[in-house]
Protein backbone atom coordinates (compact mmCIF):
# COMPACT_ATOMS: atom_id res chain seq x y z
CA UNK A 1 72.71 110.25 82.24
CA UNK A 2 73.24 106.98 80.35
CA UNK A 3 71.90 105.86 76.99
CA UNK A 4 70.65 102.36 76.15
CA UNK A 5 73.40 99.74 75.91
CA UNK A 6 74.89 98.88 72.55
CA UNK A 7 75.25 95.16 71.95
CA UNK A 8 78.51 94.01 70.35
CA UNK A 9 78.50 90.65 68.58
CA UNK A 10 81.14 90.04 65.89
CA UNK A 11 82.94 93.40 66.25
CA UNK A 12 86.63 93.33 67.07
CA UNK A 13 88.20 94.91 70.16
CA UNK A 14 89.47 97.67 67.87
CA UNK A 15 85.88 98.37 66.84
CA UNK A 16 84.71 98.42 70.45
CA UNK A 17 87.47 100.71 71.71
CA UNK A 18 87.06 103.11 68.80
CA UNK A 19 83.32 103.34 69.47
CA UNK A 20 83.84 103.94 73.20
CA UNK A 21 86.54 106.52 72.51
CA UNK A 22 84.13 108.41 70.26
CA UNK A 23 81.48 108.39 72.99
CA UNK A 24 83.87 109.72 75.62
CA UNK A 25 85.17 112.34 73.20
CA UNK A 26 81.61 113.60 72.72
CA UNK A 27 80.85 113.55 76.45
CA UNK A 28 83.94 112.89 78.64
CA UNK A 29 82.11 112.46 81.97
CA UNK A 30 79.02 110.52 80.81
CA UNK A 31 78.87 106.77 81.58
CA UNK A 32 78.34 104.41 78.65
CA UNK A 33 76.68 100.99 78.70
CA UNK A 34 77.57 98.12 76.37
CA UNK A 35 76.63 94.46 76.11
CA UNK A 36 79.19 91.70 75.53
CA UNK A 37 78.83 87.94 75.44
CA UNK A 38 80.83 86.03 78.06
CA UNK A 39 78.53 83.10 78.68
CA UNK A 40 80.15 80.37 76.60
CA UNK A 41 80.64 77.06 78.35
CA UNK A 42 83.76 76.42 76.29
CA UNK A 43 86.38 77.70 78.73
CA UNK A 44 89.46 77.45 76.53
CA UNK A 45 88.41 80.13 74.05
CA UNK A 46 90.70 83.10 73.64
CA UNK A 47 89.27 86.65 73.71
CA UNK A 48 87.93 87.46 70.25
CA UNK A 49 87.44 83.86 69.13
CA UNK A 50 83.99 83.02 67.86
CA UNK A 51 81.50 81.32 70.16
CA UNK A 52 77.87 80.20 69.99
CA UNK A 53 75.75 83.05 71.34
CA UNK A 54 72.46 81.23 70.98
CA UNK A 55 71.06 81.98 67.56
CA UNK A 56 74.08 83.98 66.40
CA UNK A 57 77.84 83.77 66.28
CA UNK A 58 79.58 86.16 68.66
CA UNK A 59 83.13 86.95 69.68
CA UNK A 60 83.99 85.53 73.06
CA UNK A 61 84.89 87.98 75.83
CA UNK A 62 85.85 87.41 79.45
CA UNK A 63 85.34 89.44 82.60
CA UNK A 64 89.09 90.03 82.70
CA UNK A 65 88.86 91.30 79.13
CA UNK A 66 86.22 93.82 80.24
CA UNK A 67 88.14 94.90 83.34
CA UNK A 68 91.24 95.55 81.21
CA UNK A 69 89.16 97.47 78.68
CA UNK A 70 87.77 99.73 81.40
CA UNK A 71 91.23 100.29 82.83
CA UNK A 72 92.82 101.42 79.57
CA UNK A 73 89.87 103.75 78.97
CA UNK A 74 90.30 105.32 82.42
CA UNK A 75 86.95 104.02 83.65
CA UNK A 76 85.32 102.19 86.53
CA UNK A 77 83.62 98.98 85.38
CA UNK A 78 80.15 98.58 86.89
CA UNK A 79 78.26 95.40 85.82
CA UNK A 80 74.55 96.17 85.43
CA UNK A 81 72.92 92.89 84.45
CA UNK A 82 73.60 89.39 83.16
CA UNK A 83 71.31 87.02 81.31
CA UNK A 84 71.69 84.20 78.79
CA UNK A 85 75.44 84.75 78.70
CA UNK A 86 75.24 88.47 77.98
CA UNK A 87 76.68 91.05 80.39
CA UNK A 88 75.64 94.67 80.43
CA UNK A 89 78.62 96.70 81.63
CA UNK A 90 78.68 100.38 82.49
CA UNK A 91 81.92 102.26 81.84
CA UNK A 92 82.09 105.25 84.20
CA UNK A 93 84.98 107.66 83.56
CA UNK A 94 87.23 108.12 86.59
CA UNK A 95 87.78 111.57 88.06
CA UNK A 96 91.55 112.11 87.67
CA UNK A 97 91.51 114.84 90.32
CA UNK A 98 90.24 112.45 92.99
CA UNK A 99 93.61 111.11 94.03
CA UNK A 100 95.64 111.23 97.24
CA UNK A 101 98.73 111.90 95.08
CA UNK A 102 97.65 115.55 94.91
CA UNK A 103 98.27 115.89 98.66
CA UNK A 104 100.98 118.41 99.51
CA UNK A 105 104.37 117.04 100.56
CA UNK A 106 105.43 117.04 104.18
CA UNK A 107 106.04 114.75 107.15
CA UNK A 108 102.32 113.99 107.41
CA UNK A 109 101.63 113.37 103.70
CA UNK A 110 101.35 109.70 104.67
CA UNK A 111 100.20 110.38 108.24
CA UNK A 112 97.38 108.70 110.15
CA UNK A 113 94.83 111.32 109.07
CA UNK A 114 95.96 111.66 105.46
CA UNK A 115 93.97 110.56 102.38
CA UNK A 116 96.68 107.93 101.83
CA UNK A 117 95.41 106.00 104.86
CA UNK A 118 92.24 105.03 103.03
CA UNK A 119 94.35 102.57 101.02
CA UNK A 120 94.38 99.11 102.60
CA UNK A 121 97.19 97.31 100.83
CA UNK A 122 96.28 93.84 102.03
CA UNK A 123 92.82 94.19 100.46
CA UNK A 124 94.48 94.22 97.03
CA UNK A 125 94.75 90.52 96.04
CA UNK A 126 97.81 91.04 93.84
CA UNK A 127 99.72 92.95 96.54
CA UNK A 128 98.75 90.39 99.18
CA UNK A 129 99.85 87.49 96.97
CA UNK A 130 103.16 89.11 96.01
CA UNK A 131 103.98 90.16 99.56
CA UNK A 132 103.28 86.65 100.81
CA UNK A 133 105.49 85.21 98.06
CA UNK A 134 108.24 87.70 98.93
CA UNK A 135 108.23 86.77 102.60
CA UNK A 136 108.20 83.05 101.90
CA UNK A 137 111.07 83.33 99.41
CA UNK A 138 112.98 85.48 101.90
CA UNK A 139 112.69 82.75 104.54
CA UNK A 140 110.08 84.15 106.92
CA UNK A 141 109.60 80.72 108.51
CA UNK A 142 113.05 80.99 110.13
CA UNK A 143 113.18 84.75 110.65
CA UNK A 144 113.92 85.96 114.18
CA UNK A 145 114.28 89.68 113.44
CA UNK A 146 112.77 91.74 110.62
CA UNK A 147 113.16 95.43 109.84
CA UNK A 148 110.58 97.35 107.82
CA UNK A 149 111.96 100.68 106.61
CA UNK A 150 109.10 103.08 105.88
CA UNK A 151 106.58 101.06 107.89
CA UNK A 152 103.83 103.72 108.06
CA UNK A 153 100.96 102.17 110.09
CA UNK A 154 102.22 98.62 109.58
CA UNK A 155 99.97 96.95 106.99
CA UNK A 156 102.72 94.55 105.89
CA UNK A 157 103.49 93.46 109.44
CA UNK A 158 100.00 91.96 109.75
CA UNK A 159 101.02 89.32 107.21
CA UNK A 160 104.47 88.92 108.77
CA UNK A 161 102.88 88.05 112.09
CA UNK A 162 100.41 85.70 110.39
CA UNK A 163 103.24 83.79 108.71
CA UNK A 164 105.53 83.71 111.76
CA UNK A 165 104.17 85.01 115.05
CA UNK A 166 107.60 84.65 116.67
CA UNK A 167 109.31 87.14 114.34
CA UNK A 168 110.44 90.25 116.21
CA UNK A 169 109.82 93.30 114.00
CA UNK A 170 111.14 96.83 114.00
CA UNK A 171 109.27 99.41 111.94
CA UNK A 172 110.82 102.79 111.11
CA UNK A 173 109.00 105.82 109.73
CA UNK A 174 109.29 109.61 109.84
CA UNK A 175 105.57 110.31 110.41
CA UNK A 176 104.74 110.77 114.13
CA UNK A 177 101.04 110.10 113.65
CA UNK A 178 101.64 106.96 111.57
CA UNK A 179 104.04 105.60 114.19
CA UNK A 180 101.52 106.33 116.96
CA UNK A 181 98.79 104.51 115.01
CA UNK A 182 101.10 101.55 114.39
CA UNK A 183 101.98 101.27 118.09
CA UNK A 184 98.30 101.15 119.00
CA UNK A 185 97.58 98.65 116.24
CA UNK A 186 100.25 96.18 117.34
CA UNK A 187 100.05 96.65 121.10
CA UNK A 188 101.06 93.48 122.89
CA UNK A 189 102.71 91.93 119.82
CA UNK A 190 106.47 91.48 119.24
CA UNK A 191 106.65 94.64 117.15
CA UNK A 192 108.60 97.82 117.96
CA UNK A 193 108.44 101.16 116.20
CA UNK A 194 110.86 104.03 115.84
CA UNK A 195 110.19 107.54 114.55
CA UNK A 196 113.16 108.50 112.39
CA UNK A 197 113.88 110.36 109.16
CA UNK A 198 115.14 107.61 106.86
CA UNK A 199 117.85 109.91 105.55
CA UNK A 200 119.29 109.78 109.09
CA UNK A 201 119.37 105.98 109.22
CA UNK A 202 123.11 106.13 109.94
CA UNK A 203 122.26 107.41 113.44
CA UNK A 204 120.54 104.12 114.29
CA UNK A 205 121.89 102.73 117.53
CA UNK A 206 124.59 100.08 117.13
CA UNK A 207 122.47 97.51 118.97
CA UNK A 208 120.53 97.24 115.70
CA UNK A 209 123.61 96.55 113.58
CA UNK A 210 123.98 93.13 111.89
CA UNK A 211 120.79 91.90 113.51
CA UNK A 212 118.03 91.49 110.93
CA UNK A 213 117.29 88.25 109.09
CA UNK A 214 114.98 90.09 106.68
CA UNK A 215 115.34 93.71 105.62
CA UNK A 216 112.19 95.04 103.97
CA UNK A 217 111.30 98.41 102.47
CA UNK A 218 108.15 98.84 100.37
CA UNK A 219 107.25 102.04 98.55
CA UNK A 220 109.87 104.12 100.35
CA UNK A 221 113.20 103.99 98.51
CA UNK A 222 111.66 105.57 95.41
CA UNK A 223 110.66 108.76 97.25
CA UNK A 224 112.22 111.98 95.88
CA UNK A 225 113.03 113.15 99.41
CA UNK A 226 115.07 110.04 100.23
CA UNK A 227 118.73 109.63 99.29
CA UNK A 228 117.75 106.09 98.37
CA UNK A 229 121.03 104.67 97.08
CA UNK A 230 123.03 105.90 100.09
CA UNK A 231 120.37 104.72 102.54
CA UNK A 232 119.99 101.29 100.93
CA UNK A 233 123.72 100.62 100.72
CA UNK A 234 124.25 101.66 104.35
CA UNK A 235 121.44 99.35 105.47
CA UNK A 236 122.95 96.50 103.49
CA UNK A 237 126.36 97.06 105.06
CA UNK A 238 125.27 97.60 108.67
CA UNK A 239 121.87 96.09 109.48
CA UNK A 240 121.78 92.61 107.92
CA UNK A 241 122.60 89.52 109.92
CA UNK A 242 124.65 86.76 108.33
CA UNK A 243 122.58 85.02 105.68
CA UNK A 244 119.88 87.73 105.71
CA UNK A 245 117.40 88.30 102.89
CA UNK A 246 116.18 91.54 101.32
CA UNK A 247 112.76 92.63 100.05
CA UNK A 248 112.42 95.99 98.28
CA UNK A 249 109.18 97.11 96.66
CA UNK A 250 108.51 99.93 94.21
CA UNK A 251 105.02 101.26 93.43
CA UNK A 252 103.96 100.61 89.85
CA UNK A 253 100.58 102.33 89.96
CA UNK A 254 98.71 105.46 90.95
CA UNK A 255 95.45 105.59 92.89
CA UNK A 256 92.74 107.44 90.97
CA UNK A 257 89.13 107.74 92.09
CA UNK A 258 89.44 104.79 94.45
CA UNK A 259 91.21 102.36 92.09
CA UNK A 260 94.84 101.46 91.38
CA UNK A 261 95.83 102.44 87.85
CA UNK A 262 98.63 100.23 86.55
CA UNK A 263 101.96 101.78 85.59
CA UNK A 264 104.26 104.26 87.30
CA UNK A 265 104.28 107.89 86.23
CA UNK A 266 106.87 110.64 86.21
CA UNK A 267 105.98 114.15 87.32
CA UNK A 268 105.57 115.84 83.97
CA UNK A 269 103.78 113.11 82.01
CA UNK A 270 100.10 112.25 82.00
CA UNK A 271 100.66 108.77 80.59
CA UNK A 272 102.49 105.85 82.14
CA UNK A 273 106.29 106.09 82.04
CA UNK A 274 108.05 103.25 83.83
CA UNK A 275 111.59 104.38 83.07
CA UNK A 276 112.33 105.57 86.62
CA UNK A 277 110.86 102.57 88.40
CA UNK A 278 112.79 100.25 86.07
CA UNK A 279 115.96 102.23 86.77
CA UNK A 280 115.43 101.96 90.55
CA UNK A 281 114.59 98.27 90.31
CA UNK A 282 117.68 97.57 88.22
CA UNK A 283 119.94 99.36 90.71
CA UNK A 284 118.71 97.16 93.58
CA UNK A 285 118.97 94.02 91.45
CA UNK A 286 122.50 94.80 90.31
CA UNK A 287 123.70 95.72 93.82
CA UNK A 288 122.30 92.51 95.29
CA UNK A 289 123.81 90.37 92.56
CA UNK A 290 127.18 92.02 93.05
CA UNK A 291 126.96 90.96 96.69
CA UNK A 292 126.18 87.33 95.85
CA UNK A 293 122.41 87.37 96.23
CA UNK A 294 120.03 85.38 94.08
CA UNK A 295 117.45 87.92 92.88
CA UNK A 296 113.85 87.52 91.80
CA UNK A 297 111.65 90.35 90.48
CA UNK A 298 107.88 90.11 90.16
CA UNK A 299 104.67 91.99 90.85
CA UNK A 300 101.92 94.04 89.29
CA UNK A 301 100.88 97.21 91.12
CA UNK A 302 104.10 96.88 93.15
CA UNK A 303 107.36 95.52 91.76
CA UNK A 304 109.04 93.32 94.35
CA UNK A 305 112.78 92.71 94.31
CA UNK A 306 113.67 89.76 96.53
CA UNK A 307 117.27 88.83 97.25
CA UNK A 308 118.48 85.80 99.15
CA UNK A 309 122.16 84.91 99.60
CA UNK A 310 123.25 82.27 97.14
CA UNK A 311 125.20 80.44 99.83
CA UNK A 312 122.05 79.45 101.72
CA UNK A 313 119.93 78.41 98.74
CA UNK A 314 118.64 74.87 99.04
């Protein structure tokens, strides 16, 4: 049950967060409504700068400001009403137990019927933008063959085919149900799939060696069950065609109660700890640079490492 919204005018963000923290300390699961002014027509104001709120001076806020506030408080942001520049926003605490990450490990943890499959990566604007940028920087316009290691049901290949319908793709994954779903999804398109434990990548038939213009692996080489360094180095040495590019992505979020929560976590910490994802990212970056690749790193909920051979840079 919610109480009436509190209107904030000249209070600082510190005042607002302290007040909200006190409310959630008193009642951790109860939504709280507040009112903030975002209706200024002066678009170059910074958050917290003073604006004309009609008859009173108010601190300017933005919708992004409010979204970030909800995120750091562990809440969903649910706008309730807007009028005369004022927004009433409801902060609803997320349920930390409602997360696919609690699924037990196994071959089908990411299978076609798993909770993980509710996530549609290409519906996340930041992931879609960063994946598109990665493929363009990797040279998708001239790519004949692409390998996706850890393809699951093939979300990323939808964009690959949109950018270059002539690219022949091979997707590899260890989940039988995910591979079956991917085959049905891409029936009739130049996409092949192979069920294989990534740790056994060295058994890949020699017809695949030195073939791929783009090697891509997103959200796979960080997995505890994968000997990631050995697998990645073998792929680099055996699967890339001359002048090939590399795209490796590492998750930098957790899904909680239907929303991505920014920042990687380690097993025994409740708060964000990006030390492992930074370590993994640095290893890929350093390896690529040692092998004469130009490397770019970017991303939000996923960190993308894109390497393209220096020799073919224009």
